[in-house]
Amino acid sequence: MGFVLRSVQEKDIRDLQVLSSQFTLINLPNDPKVLESKIQTSIDSFSGKLPKSECEYIFVVEDTEAERV
């Protein structure tokens, strides 16, 4: 079993929706549109498309065997 810490990717939306539906988390709301927006903001932040004052970063831990976060 192996794990890797990495930046969030668009493909993670489903796993994050499942996680957010199981817990009440302030930073991970159970709302697909909000999650999509947060993921895109993180992707744009890592790619340098946003000013530093607007950057937000999401990291996930991926199970490399199951290919899920």
N, C-alpha and C. Protein backbone atom coordinates (compact mmCIF):
# COMPACT_ATOMS: atom_id res chain seq x y z
N MET A 1 0.85 -1.17 0.00
CA MET A 1 0.00 0.00 0.00
C MET A 1 0.89 1.23 0.00
N GLY A 2 0.59 2.18 -0.88
CA GLY A 2 1.37 3.40 -0.96
C GLY A 2 0.49 4.62 -1.03
N PHE A 3 1.00 5.70 -0.51
CA PHE A 3 0.27 6.96 -0.51
C PHE A 3 1.17 8.07 -1.01
N VAL A 4 0.55 9.07 -1.63
CA VAL A 4 1.28 10.24 -2.10
C VAL A 4 0.46 11.49 -1.76
N LEU A 5 1.16 12.51 -1.30
CA LEU A 5 0.55 13.81 -1.05
C LEU A 5 0.74 14.63 -2.32
N ARG A 6 -0.37 15.15 -2.85
CA ARG A 6 -0.29 15.91 -4.10
C ARG A 6 -1.35 17.00 -4.13
N SER A 7 -1.27 17.84 -5.12
CA SER A 7 -2.29 18.88 -5.30
C SER A 7 -3.56 18.24 -5.87
N VAL A 8 -4.69 18.85 -5.55
CA VAL A 8 -5.97 18.34 -6.01
C VAL A 8 -6.04 18.43 -7.54
N GLN A 9 -6.78 17.51 -8.14
CA GLN A 9 -6.99 17.50 -9.59
C GLN A 9 -8.49 17.40 -9.85
N GLU A 10 -8.91 17.77 -11.05
CA GLU A 10 -10.33 17.73 -11.40
C GLU A 10 -10.92 16.33 -11.20
N LYS A 11 -10.13 15.30 -11.44
CA LYS A 11 -10.62 13.92 -11.32
C LYS A 11 -10.97 13.55 -9.88
N ASP A 12 -10.58 14.36 -8.91
CA ASP A 12 -10.82 14.06 -7.49
C ASP A 12 -12.21 14.46 -7.02
N ILE A 13 -13.00 15.10 -7.85
CA ILE A 13 -14.29 15.65 -7.42
C ILE A 13 -15.18 14.57 -6.81
N ARG A 14 -15.27 13.42 -7.42
CA ARG A 14 -16.16 12.37 -6.91
C ARG A 14 -15.75 11.92 -5.51
N ASP A 15 -14.47 11.65 -5.33
CA ASP A 15 -13.98 11.21 -4.02
C ASP A 15 -14.19 12.29 -2.96
N LEU A 16 -13.98 13.56 -3.33
CA LEU A 16 -14.18 14.64 -2.38
C LEU A 16 -15.65 14.83 -2.03
N GLN A 17 -16.54 14.59 -2.99
CA GLN A 17 -17.97 14.68 -2.72
C GLN A 17 -18.39 13.59 -1.73
N VAL A 18 -17.87 12.39 -1.91
CA VAL A 18 -18.17 11.29 -0.98
C VAL A 18 -17.68 11.64 0.42
N LEU A 19 -16.45 12.13 0.50
CA LEU A 19 -15.88 12.51 1.80
C LEU A 19 -16.69 13.62 2.45
N SER A 20 -17.05 14.63 1.69
CA SER A 20 -17.78 15.76 2.26
C SER A 20 -19.20 15.38 2.69
N SER A 21 -19.75 14.34 2.10
CA SER A 21 -21.10 13.90 2.49
C SER A 21 -21.08 13.11 3.80
N GLN A 22 -19.91 12.63 4.20
CA GLN A 22 -19.79 11.82 5.41
C GLN A 22 -19.48 12.63 6.65
N PHE A 23 -18.96 13.85 6.46
CA PHE A 23 -18.53 14.68 7.57
C PHE A 23 -19.00 16.11 7.36
N THR A 24 -19.16 16.85 8.43
CA THR A 24 -19.45 18.27 8.35
C THR A 24 -18.12 19.01 8.47
N LEU A 25 -17.64 19.50 7.34
CA LEU A 25 -16.34 20.16 7.30
C LEU A 25 -16.51 21.57 6.73
N ILE A 26 -15.96 22.56 7.41
CA ILE A 26 -16.08 23.94 6.96
C ILE A 26 -15.38 24.14 5.62
N ASN A 27 -14.20 23.57 5.46
CA ASN A 27 -13.42 23.79 4.24
C ASN A 27 -13.73 22.81 3.11
N LEU A 28 -14.61 21.85 3.38
CA LEU A 28 -14.97 20.87 2.36
C LEU A 28 -16.49 20.69 2.38
N PRO A 29 -17.22 21.67 1.83
CA PRO A 29 -18.68 21.62 1.89
C PRO A 29 -19.26 20.53 0.98
N ASN A 30 -20.40 20.03 1.38
CA ASN A 30 -21.09 19.00 0.59
C ASN A 30 -21.96 19.69 -0.47
N ASP A 31 -21.29 20.36 -1.39
CA ASP A 31 -21.95 21.10 -2.46
C ASP A 31 -21.08 20.97 -3.71
N PRO A 32 -21.53 20.22 -4.70
CA PRO A 32 -20.70 19.96 -5.89
C PRO A 32 -20.19 21.22 -6.58
N LYS A 33 -21.03 22.24 -6.71
CA LYS A 33 -20.60 23.46 -7.39
C LYS A 33 -19.50 24.19 -6.61
N VAL A 34 -19.64 24.22 -5.28
CA VAL A 34 -18.61 24.86 -4.46
C VAL A 34 -17.31 24.06 -4.53
N LEU A 35 -17.42 22.74 -4.47
CA LEU A 35 -16.22 21.90 -4.57
C LEU A 35 -15.52 22.10 -5.91
N GLU A 36 -16.29 22.14 -6.99
CA GLU A 36 -15.70 22.37 -8.31
C GLU A 36 -14.97 23.71 -8.35
N SER A 37 -15.57 24.73 -7.77
CA SER A 37 -14.96 26.05 -7.74
C SER A 37 -13.67 26.04 -6.91
N LYS A 38 -13.70 25.39 -5.76
CA LYS A 38 -12.52 25.31 -4.90
C LYS A 38 -11.39 24.54 -5.60
N ILE A 39 -11.73 23.47 -6.29
CA ILE A 39 -10.73 22.69 -7.02
C ILE A 39 -10.11 23.55 -8.12
N GLN A 40 -10.94 24.26 -8.88
CA GLN A 40 -10.41 25.09 -9.96
C GLN A 40 -9.54 26.21 -9.42
N THR A 41 -9.94 26.80 -8.30
CA THR A 41 -9.13 27.85 -7.68
C THR A 41 -7.77 27.29 -7.27
N SER A 42 -7.75 26.09 -6.72
CA SER A 42 -6.49 25.47 -6.33
C SER A 42 -5.61 25.20 -7.55
N ILE A 43 -6.19 24.67 -8.60
CA ILE A 43 -5.44 24.39 -9.83
C ILE A 43 -4.86 25.69 -10.38
N ASP A 44 -5.67 26.74 -10.42
CA ASP A 44 -5.20 28.04 -10.91
C ASP A 44 -4.12 28.62 -10.00
N SER A 45 -4.24 28.38 -8.70
CA SER A 45 -3.24 28.87 -7.75
C SER A 45 -1.89 28.19 -7.99
N PHE A 46 -1.91 26.87 -8.12
CA PHE A 46 -0.67 26.13 -8.35
C PHE A 46 -0.02 26.50 -9.70
N SER A 47 -0.85 26.82 -10.68
CA SER A 47 -0.31 27.14 -12.00
C SER A 47 0.15 28.59 -12.12
N GLY A 48 -0.08 29.39 -11.07
CA GLY A 48 0.37 30.78 -11.08
C GLY A 48 -0.57 31.73 -11.81
N LYS A 49 -1.79 31.31 -12.08
CA LYS A 49 -2.75 32.14 -12.80
C LYS A 49 -3.42 33.20 -11.93
N LEU A 50 -3.34 33.03 -10.61
CA LEU A 50 -4.00 33.96 -9.70
C LEU A 50 -2.97 34.81 -8.96
N PRO A 51 -3.38 36.03 -8.60
CA PRO A 51 -2.50 36.82 -7.73
C PRO A 51 -2.36 36.12 -6.38
N LYS A 52 -1.22 36.28 -5.73
CA LYS A 52 -0.97 35.59 -4.46
C LYS A 52 -2.07 35.86 -3.43
N SER A 53 -2.66 37.01 -3.45
CA SER A 53 -3.70 37.35 -2.47
C SER A 53 -4.99 36.55 -2.67
N GLU A 54 -5.15 35.93 -3.83
CA GLU A 54 -6.35 35.15 -4.14
C GLU A 54 -6.09 33.65 -4.16
N CYS A 55 -4.87 33.24 -3.92
CA CYS A 55 -4.52 31.82 -4.02
C CYS A 55 -5.07 31.01 -2.85
N GLU A 56 -5.53 29.84 -3.17
CA GLU A 56 -5.96 28.83 -2.20
C GLU A 56 -5.47 27.50 -2.72
N TYR A 57 -4.93 26.70 -1.82
CA TYR A 57 -4.32 25.44 -2.24
C TYR A 57 -5.00 24.27 -1.53
N ILE A 58 -5.33 23.24 -2.29
CA ILE A 58 -5.90 22.03 -1.72
C ILE A 58 -4.93 20.89 -2.01
N PHE A 59 -4.57 20.19 -0.94
CA PHE A 59 -3.74 19.00 -1.07
C PHE A 59 -4.59 17.78 -0.73
N VAL A 60 -4.32 16.67 -1.37
CA VAL A 60 -5.01 15.42 -1.07
C VAL A 60 -3.98 14.33 -0.85
N VAL A 61 -4.37 13.31 -0.12
CA VAL A 61 -3.55 12.12 0.04
C VAL A 61 -4.19 11.04 -0.83
N GLU A 62 -3.45 10.55 -1.80
CA GLU A 62 -3.96 9.55 -2.74
C GLU A 62 -3.42 8.16 -2.37
N ASP A 63 -4.32 7.20 -2.31
CA ASP A 63 -3.93 5.79 -2.20
C ASP A 63 -3.53 5.38 -3.62
N THR A 64 -2.26 5.14 -3.85
CA THR A 64 -1.77 4.89 -5.20
C THR A 64 -2.22 3.55 -5.77
N GLU A 65 -2.55 2.62 -4.91
CA GLU A 65 -3.04 1.32 -5.41
C GLU A 65 -4.51 1.42 -5.83
N ALA A 66 -5.31 2.06 -5.00
CA ALA A 66 -6.73 2.21 -5.31
C ALA A 66 -6.99 3.39 -6.24
N GLU A 67 -5.99 4.27 -6.38
CA GLU A 67 -6.11 5.48 -7.17
C GLU A 67 -7.29 6.32 -6.73
N ARG A 68 -7.41 6.49 -5.41
CA ARG A 68 -8.49 7.29 -4.81
C ARG A 68 -7.91 8.16 -3.70
N VAL A 69 -8.58 9.25 -3.46
CA VAL A 69 -8.16 10.14 -2.37
C VAL A 69 -8.99 9.86 -1.13
